[in-house]
Amino acid sequence: MKKQLLAYLVFFTGLSLYSQQLYMEYGSTISAFDYKNSQGQPLDNLLSKSKSYFGMGYRQVVNKQKTMFISAGVSYNNYGAIGSESSVDNFFAWDVSYLGIKAGLDIRLFQLQDLLFFANASVASEFLIRGNQTINNDVFNLVGEKEFNNSILFLRAGVGLQYPISNSTAIYAGYTYGKSVLISSGENAEKLKLSAHQFGIGFIINLPNCFCDF
């Protein structure tokens, strides 16, 4: 994990030297859990919970027509779920937070006056930094547990719109849907796959070397 973080740090440092824009976003995440215990048995009747997320990073135009943008940044995502099993009188809950390293692509679809519409896709490597699992009255810390996946790969796609509020700043809103792919897990470990709807708003700010408008 340390080698991965070092590689990401070098990548972001290099990207920041050539990036034209800075973005920041905040929003709500509605997540769904697909859980299997160490015996491979699924847990049904799980209900999603609304949590928050935050992200920031750099954005760069990749063509002269300014219709394609690449981005790279960090994110802090919270996911949660609750459920119960009436046959055994059990209550379950998860509350987890992942730090993510994200790379994405934005494609401009069309424009209505100053309003721009985009499609986007991204991939993120996310690491569990805080999390607990509640079973009835017992609470278990998930961070560092070998029987629980602490690292996931998250794939997302969505749409967004952007509107300029000055020569150097634009506000945007967007929706994405994503699913996780396990990238570390023991052979007989608990497995947790996530899917998430995210609704967010944010700002795009031109950096001094951009010399561009919206």
C-alpha atoms as a PDB file:
ATOM      1  CA  MET A   1       0.000   0.000   0.000  1.00  0.00           C
ATOM      2  CA  LYS A   2       2.868   2.401   0.807  1.00  0.00           C
ATOM      3  CA  LYS A   3       4.364   1.834  -2.656  1.00  0.00           C
ATOM      4  CA  GLN A   4       0.980   2.550  -4.244  1.00  0.00           C
ATOM      5  CA  LEU A   5       0.577   5.810  -2.320  1.00  0.00           C
ATOM      6  CA  LEU A   6       4.117   6.899  -3.245  1.00  0.00           C
ATOM      7  CA  ALA A   7       3.423   6.215  -6.930  1.00  0.00           C
ATOM      8  CA  TYR A   8       0.184   8.217  -6.740  1.00  0.00           C
ATOM      9  CA  LEU A   9       1.999  11.112  -5.025  1.00  0.00           C
ATOM     10  CA  VAL A  10       4.612  11.266  -7.791  1.00  0.00           C
ATOM     11  CA  PHE A  11       1.865  11.127 -10.420  1.00  0.00           C
ATOM     12  CA  PHE A  12      -0.149  13.964  -8.864  1.00  0.00           C
ATOM     13  CA  THR A  13       2.940  16.121  -8.403  1.00  0.00           C
ATOM     14  CA  GLY A  14       3.774  15.785 -12.080  1.00  0.00           C
ATOM     15  CA  LEU A  15       0.178  16.364 -13.157  1.00  0.00           C
ATOM     16  CA  SER A  16      -0.152  19.530 -11.068  1.00  0.00           C
ATOM     17  CA  LEU A  17       2.675  21.144 -13.037  1.00  0.00           C
ATOM     18  CA  TYR A  18       0.701  20.861 -16.291  1.00  0.00           C
ATOM     19  CA  SER A  19      -2.928  21.034 -15.109  1.00  0.00           C
ATOM     20  CA  GLN A  20      -5.114  23.956 -16.107  1.00  0.00           C
ATOM     21  CA  GLN A  21      -7.954  23.699 -13.615  1.00  0.00           C
ATOM     22  CA  LEU A  22      -8.662  22.795  -9.998  1.00  0.00           C
ATOM     23  CA  TYR A  23     -11.938  21.131  -9.007  1.00  0.00           C
ATOM     24  CA  MET A  24     -13.683  20.616  -5.664  1.00  0.00           C
ATOM     25  CA  GLU A  25     -16.914  18.731  -5.037  1.00  0.00           C
ATOM     26  CA  TYR A  26     -19.194  17.724  -2.192  1.00  0.00           C
ATOM     27  CA  GLY A  27     -22.330  15.625  -2.174  1.00  0.00           C
ATOM     28  CA  SER A  28     -24.453  12.743  -0.976  1.00  0.00           C
ATOM     29  CA  THR A  29     -23.889   9.015  -1.462  1.00  0.00           C
ATOM     30  CA  ILE A  30     -26.670   6.428  -1.370  1.00  0.00           C
ATOM     31  CA  SER A  31     -24.938   3.058  -1.141  1.00  0.00           C
ATOM     32  CA  ALA A  32     -26.005  -0.560  -1.424  1.00  0.00           C
ATOM     33  CA  PHE A  33     -24.042  -3.455   0.105  1.00  0.00           C
ATOM     34  CA  ASP A  34     -23.543  -6.962  -1.249  1.00  0.00           C
ATOM     35  CA  TYR A  35     -22.134  -8.836   1.739  1.00  0.00           C
ATOM     36  CA  LYS A  36     -20.957 -12.442   2.143  1.00  0.00           C
ATOM     37  CA  ASN A  37     -19.594 -13.838   5.376  1.00  0.00           C
ATOM     38  CA  SER A  38     -16.459 -15.993   5.724  1.00  0.00           C
ATOM     39  CA  GLN A  39     -18.525 -19.078   4.803  1.00  0.00           C
ATOM     40  CA  GLY A  40     -19.642 -17.460   1.559  1.00  0.00           C
ATOM     41  CA  GLN A  41     -23.238 -16.967   2.711  1.00  0.00           C
ATOM     42  CA  PRO A  42     -24.960 -13.755   1.550  1.00  0.00           C
ATOM     43  CA  LEU A  43     -26.893 -11.443   3.842  1.00  0.00           C
ATOM     44  CA  ASP A  44     -30.209 -10.295   2.444  1.00  0.00           C
ATOM     45  CA  ASN A  45     -32.550  -7.545   3.594  1.00  0.00           C
ATOM     46  CA  LEU A  46     -29.877  -4.821   3.670  1.00  0.00           C
ATOM     47  CA  LEU A  47     -31.127  -1.242   3.363  1.00  0.00           C
ATOM     48  CA  SER A  48     -29.025   1.640   2.072  1.00  0.00           C
ATOM     49  CA  LYS A  49     -28.125   4.753   4.049  1.00  0.00           C
ATOM     50  CA  SER A  50     -27.379   8.262   2.856  1.00  0.00           C
ATOM     51  CA  LYS A  51     -23.820   9.416   3.538  1.00  0.00           C
ATOM     52  CA  SER A  52     -21.558  12.220   2.319  1.00  0.00           C
ATOM     53  CA  TYR A  53     -18.494  12.391   0.080  1.00  0.00           C
ATOM     54  CA  PHE A  54     -15.843  14.991  -0.756  1.00  0.00           C
ATOM     55  CA  GLY A  55     -13.355  15.226  -3.584  1.00  0.00           C
ATOM     56  CA  MET A  56     -10.772  17.556  -5.087  1.00  0.00           C
ATOM     57  CA  GLY A  57      -8.085  17.433  -7.740  1.00  0.00           C
ATOM     58  CA  TYR A  58      -6.751  18.701 -11.058  1.00  0.00           C
ATOM     59  CA  ARG A  59      -8.348  18.872 -14.504  1.00  0.00           C
ATOM     60  CA  GLN A  60      -6.684  19.202 -17.910  1.00  0.00           C
ATOM     61  CA  VAL A  61      -8.011  19.852 -21.438  1.00  0.00           C
ATOM     62  CA  VAL A  62      -6.769  17.182 -23.868  1.00  0.00           C
ATOM     63  CA  ASN A  63      -7.958  18.475 -27.265  1.00  0.00           C
ATOM     64  CA  LYS A  64      -8.121  21.805 -29.103  1.00  0.00           C
ATOM     65  CA  GLN A  65     -11.917  21.730 -29.286  1.00  0.00           C
ATOM     66  CA  LYS A  66     -12.078  21.648 -25.467  1.00  0.00           C
ATOM     67  CA  THR A  67     -14.534  18.754 -25.533  1.00  0.00           C
ATOM     68  CA  MET A  68     -12.444  16.248 -23.555  1.00  0.00           C
ATOM     69  CA  PHE A  69     -10.875  16.627 -20.116  1.00  0.00           C
ATOM     70  CA  ILE A  70      -8.839  14.289 -17.963  1.00  0.00           C
ATOM     71  CA  SER A  71      -8.761  14.644 -14.195  1.00  0.00           C
ATOM     72  CA  ALA A  72      -6.975  13.177 -11.216  1.00  0.00           C
ATOM     73  CA  GLY A  73      -7.683  13.715  -7.555  1.00  0.00           C
ATOM     74  CA  VAL A  74      -8.456  12.383  -4.117  1.00  0.00           C
ATOM     75  CA  SER A  75     -11.809  11.555  -2.561  1.00  0.00           C
ATOM     76  CA  TYR A  76     -13.225  10.777   0.852  1.00  0.00           C
ATOM     77  CA  ASN A  77     -16.262   8.511   0.576  1.00  0.00           C
ATOM     78  CA  ASN A  78     -18.622   7.332   3.305  1.00  0.00           C
ATOM     79  CA  TYR A  79     -20.825   4.278   2.808  1.00  0.00           C
ATOM     80  CA  GLY A  80     -23.413   2.722   5.080  1.00  0.00           C
ATOM     81  CA  ALA A  81     -26.140   0.092   5.335  1.00  0.00           C
ATOM     82  CA  ILE A  82     -28.469  -1.431   7.911  1.00  0.00           C
ATOM     83  CA  GLY A  83     -30.408  -4.676   7.977  1.00  0.00           C
ATOM     84  CA  SER A  84     -31.891  -7.418  10.094  1.00  0.00           C
ATOM     85  CA  GLU A  85     -32.640 -11.126  10.031  1.00  0.00           C
ATOM     86  CA  SER A  86     -35.889 -11.812  11.869  1.00  0.00           C
ATOM     87  CA  SER A  87     -35.425 -15.604  11.837  1.00  0.00           C
ATOM     88  CA  VAL A  88     -32.422 -15.333  14.170  1.00  0.00           C
ATOM     89  CA  ASP A  89     -33.359 -11.981  15.730  1.00  0.00           C
ATOM     90  CA  ASN A  90     -30.202 -10.237  14.493  1.00  0.00           C
ATOM     91  CA  PHE A  91     -29.532  -6.594  13.618  1.00  0.00           C
ATOM     92  CA  PHE A  92     -26.687  -5.570  11.280  1.00  0.00           C
ATOM     93  CA  ALA A  93     -25.131  -2.215  10.392  1.00  0.00           C
ATOM     94  CA  TRP A  94     -22.066  -0.990   8.524  1.00  0.00           C
ATOM     95  CA  ASP A  95     -20.477   2.451   8.606  1.00  0.00           C
ATOM     96  CA  VAL A  96     -17.267   2.713   6.569  1.00  0.00           C
ATOM     97  CA  SER A  97     -15.068   5.472   5.114  1.00  0.00           C
ATOM     98  CA  TYR A  98     -12.635   5.070   2.220  1.00  0.00           C
ATOM     99  CA  LEU A  99      -9.869   7.370   1.021  1.00  0.00           C
ATOM    100  CA  GLY A 100      -9.687   7.207  -2.762  1.00  0.00           C
ATOM    101  CA  ILE A 101      -7.225   8.072  -5.516  1.00  0.00           C
ATOM    102  CA  LYS A 102      -9.254   8.816  -8.656  1.00  0.00           C
ATOM    103  CA  ALA A 103      -8.628   9.319 -12.379  1.00  0.00           C
ATOM    104  CA  GLY A 104     -11.414  10.383 -14.704  1.00  0.00           C
ATOM    105  CA  LEU A 105     -12.482  11.494 -18.164  1.00  0.00           C
ATOM    106  CA  ASP A 106     -15.098  14.169 -18.972  1.00  0.00           C
ATOM    107  CA  ILE A 107     -16.631  14.456 -22.450  1.00  0.00           C
ATOM    108  CA  ARG A 108     -18.678  17.487 -23.426  1.00  0.00           C
ATOM    109  CA  LEU A 109     -21.995  16.404 -24.956  1.00  0.00           C
ATOM    110  CA  PHE A 110     -23.676  19.678 -25.925  1.00  0.00           C
ATOM    111  CA  GLN A 111     -24.127  23.299 -24.892  1.00  0.00           C
ATOM    112  CA  LEU A 112     -27.186  25.496 -24.274  1.00  0.00           C
ATOM    113  CA  GLN A 113     -25.948  29.077 -24.178  1.00  0.00           C
ATOM    114  CA  ASP A 114     -23.517  29.080 -21.194  1.00  0.00           C
ATOM    115  CA  LEU A 115     -24.738  25.751 -19.800  1.00  0.00           C
ATOM    116  CA  LEU A 116     -22.480  22.779 -20.669  1.00  0.00           C
ATOM    117  CA  PHE A 117     -23.535  19.137 -20.384  1.00  0.00           C
ATOM    118  CA  PHE A 118     -20.963  16.368 -19.817  1.00  0.00           C
ATOM    119  CA  ALA A 119     -20.696  12.604 -19.595  1.00  0.00           C
ATOM    120  CA  ASN A 120     -17.981  11.248 -17.333  1.00  0.00           C
ATOM    121  CA  ALA A 121     -16.272   8.043 -16.286  1.00  0.00           C
ATOM    122  CA  SER A 122     -13.712   7.381 -13.571  1.00  0.00           C
ATOM    123  CA  VAL A 123     -11.768   4.679 -11.793  1.00  0.00           C
ATOM    124  CA  ALA A 124     -10.630   4.935  -8.190  1.00  0.00           C
ATOM    125  CA  SER A 125      -8.477   2.874  -5.887  1.00  0.00           C
ATOM    126  CA  GLU A 126     -10.000   3.233  -2.412  1.00  0.00           C
ATOM    127  CA  PHE A 127      -8.535   2.274   0.970  1.00  0.00           C
ATOM    128  CA  LEU A 128     -10.514   1.698   4.148  1.00  0.00           C
ATOM    129  CA  ILE A 129      -9.444   4.256   6.767  1.00  0.00           C
ATOM    130  CA  ARG A 130     -12.393   4.027   9.166  1.00  0.00           C
ATOM    131  CA  GLY A 131     -15.100   1.429   9.548  1.00  0.00           C
ATOM    132  CA  ASN A 132     -17.191  -0.613  11.923  1.00  0.00           C
ATOM    133  CA  GLN A 133     -19.606  -3.481  11.714  1.00  0.00           C
ATOM    134  CA  THR A 134     -22.429  -3.783  14.246  1.00  0.00           C
ATOM    135  CA  ILE A 135     -24.109  -7.090  15.024  1.00  0.00           C
ATOM    136  CA  ASN A 136     -26.836  -6.648  17.634  1.00  0.00           C
ATOM    137  CA  ASN A 137     -25.063  -4.880  20.520  1.00  0.00           C
ATOM    138  CA  ASP A 138     -21.520  -5.802  19.434  1.00  0.00           C
ATOM    139  CA  VAL A 139     -19.408  -3.367  17.400  1.00  0.00           C
ATOM    140  CA  PHE A 140     -16.334  -4.559  15.466  1.00  0.00           C
ATOM    141  CA  ASN A 141     -13.559  -2.380  14.044  1.00  0.00           C
ATOM    142  CA  LEU A 142     -12.879  -3.364  10.422  1.00  0.00           C
ATOM    143  CA  VAL A 143      -9.675  -1.403   9.803  1.00  0.00           C
ATOM    144  CA  GLY A 144      -6.705  -3.722   9.413  1.00  0.00           C
ATOM    145  CA  GLU A 145      -8.750  -6.899   9.750  1.00  0.00           C
ATOM    146  CA  LYS A 146      -7.256  -9.561   7.479  1.00  0.00           C
ATOM    147  CA  GLU A 147     -10.640 -11.267   7.102  1.00  0.00           C
ATOM    148  CA  PHE A 148     -12.191  -8.153   5.620  1.00  0.00           C
ATOM    149  CA  ASN A 149     -11.318  -6.424   2.339  1.00  0.00           C
ATOM    150  CA  ASN A 150      -9.601  -3.113   3.146  1.00  0.00           C
ATOM    151  CA  SER A 151      -8.902  -2.112  -0.461  1.00  0.00           C
ATOM    152  CA  ILE A 152     -11.324  -1.838  -3.387  1.00  0.00           C
ATOM    153  CA  LEU A 153     -11.376  -0.653  -6.988  1.00  0.00           C
ATOM    154  CA  PHE A 154     -14.368   1.561  -7.776  1.00  0.00           C
ATOM    155  CA  LEU A 155     -15.681   2.147 -11.325  1.00  0.00           C
ATOM    156  CA  ARG A 156     -18.098   5.026 -11.909  1.00  0.00           C
ATOM    157  CA  ALA A 157     -19.963   6.713 -14.776  1.00  0.00           C
ATOM    158  CA  GLY A 158     -22.397   9.596 -14.868  1.00  0.00           C
ATOM    159  CA  VAL A 159     -23.538  12.941 -16.237  1.00  0.00           C
ATOM    160  CA  GLY A 160     -23.081  16.542 -15.153  1.00  0.00           C
ATOM    161  CA  LEU A 161     -23.680  20.155 -16.065  1.00  0.00           C
ATOM    162  CA  GLN A 162     -21.485  23.226 -15.711  1.00  0.00           C
ATOM    163  CA  TYR A 163     -22.280  26.938 -15.589  1.00  0.00           C
ATOM    164  CA  PRO A 164     -19.778  29.846 -15.367  1.00  0.00           C
ATOM    165  CA  ILE A 165     -20.156  32.333 -12.507  1.00  0.00           C
ATOM    166  CA  SER A 166     -17.079  34.406 -13.450  1.00  0.00           C
ATOM    167  CA  ASN A 167     -14.237  34.408 -15.982  1.00  0.00           C
ATOM    168  CA  SER A 168     -12.223  32.065 -13.791  1.00  0.00           C
ATOM    169  CA  THR A 169     -14.815  29.968 -11.929  1.00  0.00           C
ATOM    170  CA  ALA A 170     -17.681  27.665 -12.856  1.00  0.00           C
ATOM    171  CA  ILE A 171     -20.193  25.821 -10.706  1.00  0.00           C
ATOM    172  CA  TYR A 172     -21.283  22.327 -11.627  1.00  0.00           C
ATOM    173  CA  ALA A 173     -23.641  19.587 -10.497  1.00  0.00           C
ATOM    174  CA  GLY A 174     -23.575  15.927 -11.335  1.00  0.00           C
ATOM    175  CA  TYR A 175     -24.761  12.383 -10.796  1.00  0.00           C
ATOM    176  CA  THR A 176     -22.691   9.184 -10.928  1.00  0.00           C
ATOM    177  CA  TYR A 177     -23.369   5.505 -10.407  1.00  0.00           C
ATOM    178  CA  GLY A 178     -20.583   3.112  -9.531  1.00  0.00           C
ATOM    179  CA  LYS A 179     -19.678  -0.390  -8.393  1.00  0.00           C
ATOM    180  CA  SER A 180     -16.695  -1.718  -6.525  1.00  0.00           C
ATOM    181  CA  VAL A 181     -14.387  -4.559  -7.481  1.00  0.00           C
ATOM    182  CA  LEU A 182     -12.457  -6.368  -4.751  1.00  0.00           C
ATOM    183  CA  ILE A 183      -8.690  -6.137  -5.125  1.00  0.00           C
ATOM    184  CA  SER A 184      -7.606  -7.658  -1.821  1.00  0.00           C
ATOM    185  CA  SER A 185      -9.304 -10.348   0.187  1.00  0.00           C
ATOM    186  CA  GLY A 186      -8.375 -13.608   1.855  1.00  0.00           C
ATOM    187  CA  GLU A 187      -9.497 -16.914   0.419  1.00  0.00           C
ATOM    188  CA  ASN A 188     -12.102 -17.480   3.138  1.00  0.00           C
ATOM    189  CA  ALA A 189     -12.605 -13.847   4.046  1.00  0.00           C
ATOM    190  CA  GLU A 190     -15.703 -11.767   4.446  1.00  0.00           C
ATOM    191  CA  LYS A 191     -16.472 -10.001   1.182  1.00  0.00           C
ATOM    192  CA  LEU A 192     -18.226  -6.687   0.766  1.00  0.00           C
ATOM    193  CA  LYS A 193     -19.047  -5.257  -2.651  1.00  0.00           C
ATOM    194  CA  LEU A 194     -20.483  -1.767  -2.886  1.00  0.00           C
ATOM    195  CA  SER A 195     -22.644   0.078  -5.357  1.00  0.00           C
ATOM    196  CA  ALA A 196     -23.377   3.756  -4.960  1.00  0.00           C
ATOM    197  CA  HIS A 197     -25.431   6.602  -6.374  1.00  0.00           C
ATOM    198  CA  GLN A 198     -23.715   9.966  -5.856  1.00  0.00           C
ATOM    199  CA  PHE A 199     -25.262  13.421  -6.246  1.00  0.00           C
ATOM    200  CA  GLY A 200     -22.895  16.351  -5.884  1.00  0.00           C
ATOM    201  CA  ILE A 201     -22.129  19.992  -6.546  1.00  0.00           C
ATOM    202  CA  GLY A 202     -18.777  21.683  -6.896  1.00  0.00           C
ATOM    203  CA  PHE A 203     -16.553  24.340  -8.401  1.00  0.00           C
ATOM    204  CA  ILE A 204     -14.032  24.378 -11.238  1.00  0.00           C
ATOM    205  CA  ILE A 205     -11.356  27.067 -10.937  1.00  0.00           C
ATOM    206  CA  ASN A 206      -8.938  28.089 -13.674  1.00  0.00           C
ATOM    207  CA  LEU A 207      -5.309  28.020 -12.581  1.00  0.00           C
ATOM    208  CA  PRO A 208      -2.957  30.899 -13.528  1.00  0.00           C
ATOM    209  CA  ASN A 209      -1.450  28.922 -16.432  1.00  0.00           C
ATOM    210  CA  CYS A 210      -4.854  28.160 -17.956  1.00  0.00           C
ATOM    211  CA  PHE A 211      -5.545  31.357 -19.958  1.00  0.00           C
ATOM    212  CA  CYS A 212      -8.961  29.984 -20.838  1.00  0.00           C
ATOM    213  CA  ASP A 213     -12.593  30.817 -20.182  1.00  0.00           C
ATOM    214  CA  PHE A 214     -15.761  28.823 -19.733  1.00  0.00           C
END
